[in-house]
Amino acid sequence: MAQSADEQLVVVSQVLVADINIGYEDIVNTQVLAVNGVPVKNLRSLADMVENCNDDYLRFDLEYDQIVILHTKNARAGTLDILKTHCIPSAMSEDLKI
């Protein structure tokens, strides 16, 4: 049950294969619970936490006690390559860029 009107489940539906996320490609349909220890309230909060992260690492706590840790600088640098490789026009929808 949602605790507020803007609360949403955020799910990793698929991990797109790239050098920066080797070992995590088998994660599918898994809820994202927190980023760097901060609970994820909705997709916008997740996007904001990732975009504004000043820590060396991004730690994603997922359901089933799974943890994904990415080097923040490498993850940002690898995003353009992932988008290009998989023919994705943008890292996020326009409504999340606000």
PDB file of N, CA and C in Angstrom:
ATOM      1  N   MET A   1       0.839  -1.189   0.000  1.00  0.00           N
ATOM      2  CA  MET A   1       0.000   0.000   0.000  1.00  0.00           C
ATOM      3  C   MET A   1       0.881   1.249   0.000  1.00  0.00           C
ATOM      4  N   ALA A   2       0.503   2.201  -0.841  1.00  0.00           N
ATOM      5  CA  ALA A   2       1.243   3.458  -0.926  1.00  0.00           C
ATOM      6  C   ALA A   2       1.059   4.261   0.356  1.00  0.00           C
ATOM      7  N   GLN A   3       2.120   4.909   0.790  1.00  0.00           N
ATOM      8  CA  GLN A   3       2.076   5.747   1.982  1.00  0.00           C
ATOM      9  C   GLN A   3       1.687   7.187   1.650  1.00  0.00           C
ATOM     10  N   SER A   4       1.797   7.564   0.350  1.00  0.00           N
ATOM     11  CA  SER A   4       1.416   8.907  -0.094  1.00  0.00           C
ATOM     12  C   SER A   4       0.922   8.832  -1.536  1.00  0.00           C
ATOM     13  N   ALA A   5       0.286   9.905  -1.994  1.00  0.00           N
ATOM     14  CA  ALA A   5      -0.305   9.912  -3.341  1.00  0.00           C
ATOM     15  C   ALA A   5       0.737   9.814  -4.443  1.00  0.00           C
ATOM     16  N   ASP A   6       1.956  10.280  -4.182  1.00  0.00           N
ATOM     17  CA  ASP A   6       2.987  10.264  -5.225  1.00  0.00           C
ATOM     18  C   ASP A   6       3.950   9.076  -5.106  1.00  0.00           C
ATOM     19  N   GLU A   7       3.647   8.135  -4.244  1.00  0.00           N
ATOM     20  CA  GLU A   7       4.512   6.969  -4.091  1.00  0.00           C
ATOM     21  C   GLU A   7       4.250   5.965  -5.216  1.00  0.00           C
ATOM     22  N   GLN A   8       5.336   5.453  -5.787  1.00  0.00           N
ATOM     23  CA  GLN A   8       5.254   4.464  -6.862  1.00  0.00           C
ATOM     24  C   GLN A   8       6.295   3.379  -6.623  1.00  0.00           C
ATOM     25  N   LEU A   9       6.021   2.189  -7.105  1.00  0.00           N
ATOM     26  CA  LEU A   9       7.042   1.150  -7.134  1.00  0.00           C
ATOM     27  C   LEU A   9       7.950   1.442  -8.316  1.00  0.00           C
ATOM     28  N   VAL A  10       9.243   1.318  -8.112  1.00  0.00           N
ATOM     29  CA  VAL A  10      10.203   1.481  -9.192  1.00  0.00           C
ATOM     30  C   VAL A  10      10.886   0.130  -9.376  1.00  0.00           C
ATOM     31  N   VAL A  11      10.868  -0.350 -10.611  1.00  0.00           N
ATOM     32  CA  VAL A  11      11.351  -1.694 -10.903  1.00  0.00           C
ATOM     33  C   VAL A  11      12.429  -1.660 -11.981  1.00  0.00           C
ATOM     34  N   VAL A  12      13.496  -2.420 -11.773  1.00  0.00           N
ATOM     35  CA  VAL A  12      14.479  -2.665 -12.822  1.00  0.00           C
ATOM     36  C   VAL A  12      13.879  -3.766 -13.682  1.00  0.00           C
ATOM     37  N   SER A  13      13.473  -3.407 -14.891  1.00  0.00           N
ATOM     38  CA  SER A  13      12.872  -4.430 -15.748  1.00  0.00           C
ATOM     39  C   SER A  13      13.940  -5.223 -16.487  1.00  0.00           C
ATOM     40  N   GLN A  14      15.065  -4.565 -16.791  1.00  0.00           N
ATOM     41  CA  GLN A  14      16.145  -5.227 -17.526  1.00  0.00           C
ATOM     42  C   GLN A  14      17.416  -4.405 -17.349  1.00  0.00           C
ATOM     43  N   VAL A  15      18.549  -5.064 -17.259  1.00  0.00           N
ATOM     44  CA  VAL A  15      19.844  -4.392 -17.232  1.00  0.00           C
ATOM     45  C   VAL A  15      20.441  -4.522 -18.619  1.00  0.00           C
ATOM     46  N   LEU A  16      20.700  -3.385 -19.261  1.00  0.00           N
ATOM     47  CA  LEU A  16      21.293  -3.398 -20.596  1.00  0.00           C
ATOM     48  C   LEU A  16      22.787  -3.677 -20.465  1.00  0.00           C
ATOM     49  N   VAL A  17      23.260  -4.646 -21.184  1.00  0.00           N
ATOM     50  CA  VAL A  17      24.644  -5.098 -21.078  1.00  0.00           C
ATOM     51  C   VAL A  17      25.618  -3.993 -21.457  1.00  0.00           C
ATOM     52  N   ALA A  18      26.613  -3.781 -20.591  1.00  0.00           N
ATOM     53  CA  ALA A  18      27.671  -2.804 -20.821  1.00  0.00           C
ATOM     54  C   ALA A  18      28.839  -3.150 -19.899  1.00  0.00           C
ATOM     55  N   ASP A  19      30.002  -2.628 -20.216  1.00  0.00           N
ATOM     56  CA  ASP A  19      31.181  -2.904 -19.396  1.00  0.00           C
ATOM     57  C   ASP A  19      30.994  -2.462 -17.941  1.00  0.00           C
ATOM     58  N   ILE A  20      30.253  -1.375 -17.724  1.00  0.00           N
ATOM     59  CA  ILE A  20      30.123  -0.842 -16.364  1.00  0.00           C
ATOM     60  C   ILE A  20      29.210  -1.663 -15.466  1.00  0.00           C
ATOM     61  N   ASN A  21      28.403  -2.547 -16.052  1.00  0.00           N
ATOM     62  CA  ASN A  21      27.480  -3.314 -15.210  1.00  0.00           C
ATOM     63  C   ASN A  21      27.619  -4.823 -15.375  1.00  0.00           C
ATOM     64  N   ILE A  22      28.811  -5.254 -15.732  1.00  0.00           N
ATOM     65  CA  ILE A  22      29.067  -6.693 -15.858  1.00  0.00           C
ATOM     66  C   ILE A  22      28.770  -7.382 -14.521  1.00  0.00           C
ATOM     67  N   GLY A  23      28.037  -8.465 -14.598  1.00  0.00           N
ATOM     68  CA  GLY A  23      27.658  -9.221 -13.409  1.00  0.00           C
ATOM     69  C   GLY A  23      26.247  -8.922 -12.932  1.00  0.00           C
ATOM     70  N   TYR A  24      25.667  -7.835 -13.442  1.00  0.00           N
ATOM     71  CA  TYR A  24      24.319  -7.460 -13.027  1.00  0.00           C
ATOM     72  C   TYR A  24      23.276  -7.727 -14.107  1.00  0.00           C
ATOM     73  N   GLU A  25      23.686  -8.281 -15.236  1.00  0.00           N
ATOM     74  CA  GLU A  25      22.775  -8.424 -16.377  1.00  0.00           C
ATOM     75  C   GLU A  25      21.631  -9.412 -16.147  1.00  0.00           C
ATOM     76  N   ASP A  26      21.693 -10.214 -15.109  1.00  0.00           N
ATOM     77  CA  ASP A  26      20.617 -11.170 -14.829  1.00  0.00           C
ATOM     78  C   ASP A  26      19.511 -10.587 -13.943  1.00  0.00           C
ATOM     79  N   ILE A  27      19.663  -9.339 -13.526  1.00  0.00           N
ATOM     80  CA  ILE A  27      18.632  -8.714 -12.696  1.00  0.00           C
ATOM     81  C   ILE A  27      17.472  -8.296 -13.594  1.00  0.00           C
ATOM     82  N   VAL A  28      16.298  -8.826 -13.315  1.00  0.00           N
ATOM     83  CA  VAL A  28      15.097  -8.500 -14.088  1.00  0.00           C
ATOM     84  C   VAL A  28      13.899  -8.375 -13.149  1.00  0.00           C
ATOM     85  N   ASN A  29      13.018  -7.443 -13.483  1.00  0.00           N
ATOM     86  CA  ASN A  29      11.759  -7.272 -12.750  1.00  0.00           C
ATOM     87  C   ASN A  29      11.955  -7.270 -11.229  1.00  0.00           C
ATOM     88  N   THR A  30      12.847  -6.394 -10.781  1.00  0.00           N
ATOM     89  CA  THR A  30      13.216  -6.331  -9.370  1.00  0.00           C
ATOM     90  C   THR A  30      13.022  -4.906  -8.850  1.00  0.00           C
ATOM     91  N   GLN A  31      12.348  -4.777  -7.731  1.00  0.00           N
ATOM     92  CA  GLN A  31      12.057  -3.455  -7.174  1.00  0.00           C
ATOM     93  C   GLN A  31      13.314  -2.795  -6.620  1.00  0.00           C
ATOM     94  N   VAL A  32      13.444  -1.482  -6.892  1.00  0.00           N
ATOM     95  CA  VAL A  32      14.520  -0.668  -6.323  1.00  0.00           C
ATOM     96  C   VAL A  32      13.987  -0.088  -5.017  1.00  0.00           C
ATOM     97  N   LEU A  33      14.649  -0.408  -3.921  1.00  0.00           N
ATOM     98  CA  LEU A  33      14.184   0.027  -2.603  1.00  0.00           C
ATOM     99  C   LEU A  33      14.849   1.318  -2.142  1.00  0.00           C
ATOM    100  N   ALA A  34      16.159   1.459  -2.435  1.00  0.00           N
ATOM    101  CA  ALA A  34      16.895   2.631  -1.953  1.00  0.00           C
ATOM    102  C   ALA A  34      18.109   2.885  -2.834  1.00  0.00           C
ATOM    103  N   VAL A  35      18.558   4.136  -2.815  1.00  0.00           N
ATOM    104  CA  VAL A  35      19.798   4.541  -3.479  1.00  0.00           C
ATOM    105  C   VAL A  35      20.674   5.200  -2.424  1.00  0.00           C
ATOM    106  N   ASN A  36      21.857   4.660  -2.233  1.00  0.00           N
ATOM    107  CA  ASN A  36      22.795   5.161  -1.219  1.00  0.00           C
ATOM    108  C   ASN A  36      22.111   5.324   0.140  1.00  0.00           C
ATOM    109  N   GLY A  37      21.264   4.373   0.468  1.00  0.00           N
ATOM    110  CA  GLY A  37      20.610   4.348   1.769  1.00  0.00           C
ATOM    111  C   GLY A  37      19.339   5.169   1.879  1.00  0.00           C
ATOM    112  N   VAL A  38      18.986   5.917   0.829  1.00  0.00           N
ATOM    113  CA  VAL A  38      17.780   6.755   0.853  1.00  0.00           C
ATOM    114  C   VAL A  38      16.655   6.009   0.131  1.00  0.00           C
ATOM    115  N   PRO A  39      15.526   5.810   0.798  1.00  0.00           N
ATOM    116  CA  PRO A  39      14.418   5.081   0.163  1.00  0.00           C
ATOM    117  C   PRO A  39      13.951   5.753  -1.133  1.00  0.00           C
ATOM    118  N   VAL A  40      13.603   4.943  -2.109  1.00  0.00           N
ATOM    119  CA  VAL A  40      13.084   5.434  -3.385  1.00  0.00           C
ATOM    120  C   VAL A  40      11.582   5.594  -3.249  1.00  0.00           C
ATOM    121  N   LYS A  41      11.105   6.820  -3.457  1.00  0.00           N
ATOM    122  CA  LYS A  41       9.682   7.122  -3.325  1.00  0.00           C
ATOM    123  C   LYS A  41       8.935   6.915  -4.641  1.00  0.00           C
ATOM    124  N   ASN A  42       9.593   7.270  -5.741  1.00  0.00           N
ATOM    125  CA  ASN A  42       8.996   7.147  -7.075  1.00  0.00           C
ATOM    126  C   ASN A  42      10.110   7.295  -8.111  1.00  0.00           C
ATOM    127  N   LEU A  43       9.766   7.211  -9.375  1.00  0.00           N
ATOM    128  CA  LEU A  43      10.770   7.272 -10.432  1.00  0.00           C
ATOM    129  C   LEU A  43      11.492   8.614 -10.444  1.00  0.00           C
ATOM    130  N   ARG A  44      10.775   9.696 -10.199  1.00  0.00           N
ATOM    131  CA  ARG A  44      11.409  11.019 -10.163  1.00  0.00           C
ATOM    132  C   ARG A  44      12.452  11.092  -9.043  1.00  0.00           C
ATOM    133  N   SER A  45      12.127  10.561  -7.871  1.00  0.00           N
ATOM    134  CA  SER A  45      13.087  10.605  -6.762  1.00  0.00           C
ATOM    135  C   SER A  45      14.325   9.786  -7.094  1.00  0.00           C
ATOM    136  N   LEU A  46      14.134   8.644  -7.750  1.00  0.00           N
ATOM    137  CA  LEU A  46      15.275   7.831  -8.168  1.00  0.00           C
ATOM    138  C   LEU A  46      16.144   8.600  -9.158  1.00  0.00           C
ATOM    139  N   ALA A  47      15.533   9.202 -10.166  1.00  0.00           N
ATOM    140  CA  ALA A  47      16.279   9.970 -11.164  1.00  0.00           C
ATOM    141  C   ALA A  47      17.042  11.120 -10.505  1.00  0.00           C
ATOM    142  N   ASP A  48      16.402  11.829  -9.584  1.00  0.00           N
ATOM    143  CA  ASP A  48      17.055  12.940  -8.890  1.00  0.00           C
ATOM    144  C   ASP A  48      18.248  12.458  -8.067  1.00  0.00           C
ATOM    145  N   MET A  49      18.080  11.343  -7.365  1.00  0.00           N
ATOM    146  CA  MET A  49      19.183  10.831  -6.539  1.00  0.00           C
ATOM    147  C   MET A  49      20.374  10.420  -7.401  1.00  0.00           C
ATOM    148  N   VAL A  50      20.108   9.802  -8.521  1.00  0.00           N
ATOM    149  CA  VAL A  50      21.191   9.368  -9.405  1.00  0.00           C
ATOM    150  C   VAL A  50      21.866  10.576 -10.045  1.00  0.00           C
ATOM    151  N   GLU A  51      21.078  11.506 -10.568  1.00  0.00           N
ATOM    152  CA  GLU A  51      21.626  12.681 -11.245  1.00  0.00           C
ATOM    153  C   GLU A  51      22.415  13.583 -10.301  1.00  0.00           C
ATOM    154  N   ASN A  52      22.008  13.660  -9.055  1.00  0.00           N
ATOM    155  CA  ASN A  52      22.638  14.574  -8.098  1.00  0.00           C
ATOM    156  C   ASN A  52      23.621  13.894  -7.161  1.00  0.00           C
ATOM    157  N   CYS A  53      23.948  12.649  -7.431  1.00  0.00           N
ATOM    158  CA  CYS A  53      24.863  11.913  -6.559  1.00  0.00           C
ATOM    159  C   CYS A  53      26.276  12.491  -6.649  1.00  0.00           C
ATOM    160  N   ASN A  54      26.830  12.845  -5.495  1.00  0.00           N
ATOM    161  CA  ASN A  54      28.211  13.331  -5.414  1.00  0.00           C
ATOM    162  C   ASN A  54      29.130  12.300  -4.768  1.00  0.00           C
ATOM    163  N   ASP A  55      28.583  11.138  -4.429  1.00  0.00           N
ATOM    164  CA  ASP A  55      29.383  10.074  -3.829  1.00  0.00           C
ATOM    165  C   ASP A  55      30.185   9.359  -4.914  1.00  0.00           C
ATOM    166  N   ASP A  56      31.243   8.695  -4.531  1.00  0.00           N
ATOM    167  CA  ASP A  56      32.055   7.942  -5.483  1.00  0.00           C
ATOM    168  C   ASP A  56      31.293   6.770  -6.082  1.00  0.00           C
ATOM    169  N   TYR A  57      30.363   6.232  -5.313  1.00  0.00           N
ATOM    170  CA  TYR A  57      29.635   5.044  -5.762  1.00  0.00           C
ATOM    171  C   TYR A  57      28.128   5.244  -5.629  1.00  0.00           C
ATOM    172  N   LEU A  58      27.407   4.612  -6.528  1.00  0.00           N
ATOM    173  CA  LEU A  58      25.958   4.517  -6.452  1.00  0.00           C
ATOM    174  C   LEU A  58      25.630   3.120  -5.953  1.00  0.00           C
ATOM    175  N   ARG A  59      24.930   3.053  -4.852  1.00  0.00           N
ATOM    176  CA  ARG A  59      24.519   1.764  -4.300  1.00  0.00           C
ATOM    177  C   ARG A  59      23.001   1.667  -4.414  1.00  0.00           C
ATOM    178  N   PHE A  60      22.553   0.661  -5.136  1.00  0.00           N
ATOM    179  CA  PHE A  60      21.127   0.416  -5.308  1.00  0.00           C
ATOM    180  C   PHE A  60      20.754  -0.802  -4.472  1.00  0.00           C
ATOM    181  N   ASP A  61      19.894  -0.601  -3.487  1.00  0.00           N
ATOM    182  CA  ASP A  61      19.374  -1.711  -2.700  1.00  0.00           C
ATOM    183  C   ASP A  61      18.094  -2.180  -3.375  1.00  0.00           C
ATOM    184  N   LEU A  62      18.075  -3.451  -3.740  1.00  0.00           N
ATOM    185  CA  LEU A  62      16.946  -4.034  -4.454  1.00  0.00           C
ATOM    186  C   LEU A  62      16.245  -5.057  -3.579  1.00  0.00           C
ATOM    187  N   GLU A  63      15.051  -5.435  -4.007  1.00  0.00           N
ATOM    188  CA  GLU A  63      14.365  -6.491  -3.259  1.00  0.00           C
ATOM    189  C   GLU A  63      15.163  -7.789  -3.370  1.00  0.00           C
ATOM    190  N   TYR A  64      14.807  -8.754  -2.591  1.00  0.00           N
ATOM    191  CA  TYR A  64      15.484 -10.056  -2.515  1.00  0.00           C
ATOM    192  C   TYR A  64      16.929  -9.909  -2.024  1.00  0.00           C
ATOM    193  N   ASP A  65      17.194  -8.855  -1.251  1.00  0.00           N
ATOM    194  CA  ASP A  65      18.520  -8.602  -0.665  1.00  0.00           C
ATOM    195  C   ASP A  65      19.617  -8.459  -1.723  1.00  0.00           C
ATOM    196  N   GLN A  66      19.263  -8.003  -2.899  1.00  0.00           N
ATOM    197  CA  GLN A  66      20.255  -7.774  -3.950  1.00  0.00           C
ATOM    198  C   GLN A  66      20.801  -6.350  -3.827  1.00  0.00           C
ATOM    199  N   ILE A  67      22.071  -6.193  -4.131  1.00  0.00           N
ATOM    200  CA  ILE A  67      22.725  -4.890  -4.088  1.00  0.00           C
ATOM    201  C   ILE A  67      23.495  -4.705  -5.384  1.00  0.00           C
ATOM    202  N   VAL A  68      23.348  -3.525  -5.985  1.00  0.00           N
ATOM    203  CA  VAL A  68      24.107  -3.158  -7.174  1.00  0.00           C
ATOM    204  C   VAL A  68      24.960  -1.958  -6.785  1.00  0.00           C
ATOM    205  N   ILE A  69      26.260  -2.040  -7.048  1.00  0.00           N
ATOM    206  CA  ILE A  69      27.158  -0.924  -6.760  1.00  0.00           C
ATOM    207  C   ILE A  69      27.897  -0.565  -8.042  1.00  0.00           C
ATOM    208  N   LEU A  70      27.765   0.698  -8.432  1.00  0.00           N
ATOM    209  CA  LEU A  70      28.421   1.210  -9.630  1.00  0.00           C
ATOM    210  C   LEU A  70      29.269   2.423  -9.263  1.00  0.00           C
ATOM    211  N   HIS A  71      30.416   2.541  -9.889  1.00  0.00           N
ATOM    212  CA  HIS A  71      31.236   3.733  -9.718  1.00  0.00           C
ATOM    213  C   HIS A  71      30.504   4.872 -10.421  1.00  0.00           C
ATOM    214  N   THR A  72      30.166   5.912  -9.700  1.00  0.00           N
ATOM    215  CA  THR A  72      29.325   6.997 -10.217  1.00  0.00           C
ATOM    216  C   THR A  72      29.902   7.616 -11.479  1.00  0.00           C
ATOM    217  N   LYS A  73      31.168   7.946 -11.466  1.00  0.00           N
ATOM    218  CA  LYS A  73      31.802   8.601 -12.615  1.00  0.00           C
ATOM    219  C   LYS A  73      31.760   7.686 -13.844  1.00  0.00           C
ATOM    220  N   ASN A  74      32.056   6.407 -13.657  1.00  0.00           N
ATOM    221  CA  ASN A  74      32.034   5.456 -14.774  1.00  0.00           C
ATOM    222  C   ASN A  74      30.615   5.228 -15.287  1.00  0.00           C
ATOM    223  N   ALA A  75      29.647   5.205 -14.377  1.00  0.00           N
ATOM    224  CA  ALA A  75      28.253   5.014 -14.784  1.00  0.00           C
ATOM    225  C   ALA A  75      27.790   6.180 -15.647  1.00  0.00           C
ATOM    226  N   ARG A  76      28.133   7.384 -15.241  1.00  0.00           N
ATOM    227  CA  ARG A  76      27.751   8.555 -16.044  1.00  0.00           C
ATOM    228  C   ARG A  76      28.440   8.533 -17.403  1.00  0.00           C
ATOM    229  N   ALA A  77      29.708   8.183 -17.413  1.00  0.00           N
ATOM    230  CA  ALA A  77      30.453   8.146 -18.678  1.00  0.00           C
ATOM    231  C   ALA A  77      29.925   7.051 -19.598  1.00  0.00           C
ATOM    232  N   GLY A  78      29.474   5.954 -19.040  1.00  0.00           N
ATOM    233  CA  GLY A  78      28.994   4.832 -19.840  1.00  0.00           C
ATOM    234  C   GLY A  78      27.581   4.986 -20.361  1.00  0.00           C
ATOM    235  N   THR A  79      26.847   5.940 -19.836  1.00  0.00           N
ATOM    236  CA  THR A  79      25.447   6.110 -20.234  1.00  0.00           C
ATOM    237  C   THR A  79      25.306   6.377 -21.728  1.00  0.00           C
ATOM    238  N   LEU A  80      26.102   7.274 -22.275  1.00  0.00           N
ATOM    239  CA  LEU A  80      26.000   7.590 -23.708  1.00  0.00           C
ATOM    240  C   LEU A  80      26.284   6.377 -24.571  1.00  0.00           C
ATOM    241  N   ASP A  81      27.277   5.583 -24.193  1.00  0.00           N
ATOM    242  CA  ASP A  81      27.581   4.363 -24.947  1.00  0.00           C
ATOM    243  C   ASP A  81      26.420   3.373 -24.892  1.00  0.00           C
ATOM    244  N   ILE A  82      25.813   3.226 -23.732  1.00  0.00           N
ATOM    245  CA  ILE A  82      24.680   2.313 -23.588  1.00  0.00           C
ATOM    246  C   ILE A  82      23.514   2.778 -24.459  1.00  0.00           C
ATOM    247  N   LEU A  83      23.233   4.071 -24.422  1.00  0.00           N
ATOM    248  CA  LEU A  83      22.136   4.608 -25.232  1.00  0.00           C
ATOM    249  C   LEU A  83      22.393   4.365 -26.716  1.00  0.00           C
ATOM    250  N   LYS A  84      23.609   4.626 -27.141  1.00  0.00           N
ATOM    251  CA  LYS A  84      23.959   4.452 -28.553  1.00  0.00           C
ATOM    252  C   LYS A  84      23.887   2.975 -28.957  1.00  0.00           C
ATOM    253  N   THR A  85      24.465   2.111 -28.159  1.00  0.00           N
ATOM    254  CA  THR A  85      24.489   0.674 -28.455  1.00  0.00           C
ATOM    255  C   THR A  85      23.092   0.099 -28.602  1.00  0.00           C
ATOM    256  N   HIS A  86      22.184   0.556 -27.765  1.00  0.00           N
ATOM    257  CA  HIS A  86      20.837  -0.009 -27.742  1.00  0.00           C
ATOM    258  C   HIS A  86      19.808   0.873 -28.457  1.00  0.00           C
ATOM    259  N   CYS A  87      20.302   1.869 -29.215  1.00  0.00           N
ATOM    260  CA  CYS A  87      19.436   2.757 -30.015  1.00  0.00           C
ATOM    261  C   CYS A  87      18.337   3.406 -29.174  1.00  0.00           C
ATOM    262  N   ILE A  88      18.742   3.951 -28.040  1.00  0.00           N
ATOM    263  CA  ILE A  88      17.811   4.637 -27.143  1.00  0.00           C
ATOM    264  C   ILE A  88      18.072   6.136 -27.272  1.00  0.00           C
ATOM    265  N   PRO A  89      17.052   6.936 -27.598  1.00  0.00           N
ATOM    266  CA  PRO A  89      17.266   8.355 -27.870  1.00  0.00           C
ATOM    267  C   PRO A  89      17.603   9.218 -26.653  1.00  0.00           C
ATOM    268  N   SER A  90      17.194   8.805 -25.451  1.00  0.00           N
ATOM    269  CA  SER A  90      17.403   9.640 -24.270  1.00  0.00           C
ATOM    270  C   SER A  90      17.512   8.771 -23.027  1.00  0.00           C
ATOM    271  N   ALA A  91      18.277   9.247 -22.054  1.00  0.00           N
ATOM    272  CA  ALA A  91      18.445   8.500 -20.804  1.00  0.00           C
ATOM    273  C   ALA A  91      17.182   8.514 -19.944  1.00  0.00           C
ATOM    274  N   MET A  92      16.333   9.530 -20.154  1.00  0.00           N
ATOM    275  CA  MET A  92      15.092   9.605 -19.382  1.00  0.00           C
ATOM    276  C   MET A  92      14.061  10.409 -20.157  1.00  0.00           C
ATOM    277  N   SER A  93      12.818  10.237 -19.783  1.00  0.00           N
ATOM    278  CA  SER A  93      11.742  10.966 -20.451  1.00  0.00           C
ATOM    279  C   SER A  93      11.792  12.447 -20.051  1.00  0.00           C
ATOM    280  N   GLU A  94      11.174  13.269 -20.863  1.00  0.00           N
ATOM    281  CA  GLU A  94      11.198  14.724 -20.647  1.00  0.00           C
ATOM    282  C   GLU A  94      10.648  15.123 -19.275  1.00  0.00           C
ATOM    283  N   ASP A  95       9.617  14.436 -18.799  1.00  0.00           N
ATOM    284  CA  ASP A  95       9.020  14.808 -17.516  1.00  0.00           C
ATOM    285  C   ASP A  95       9.954  14.571 -16.334  1.00  0.00           C
ATOM    286  N   LEU A  96      10.966  13.727 -16.501  1.00  0.00           N
ATOM    287  CA  LEU A  96      11.928  13.489 -15.425  1.00  0.00           C
ATOM    288  C   LEU A  96      13.106  14.452 -15.492  1.00  0.00           C
ATOM    289  N   LYS A  97      13.256  15.175 -16.570  1.00  0.00           N
ATOM    290  CA  LYS A  97      14.354  16.135 -16.731  1.00  0.00           C
ATOM    291  C   LYS A  97      14.071  17.477 -16.056  1.00  0.00           C
ATOM    292  N   ILE A  98      12.849  17.670 -15.614  1.00  0.00           N
ATOM    293  CA  ILE A  98      12.443  18.945 -15.007  1.00  0.00           C
ATOM    294  C   ILE A  98      13.051  19.098 -13.633  1.00  0.00           C
TER     295      ILE A  98
END
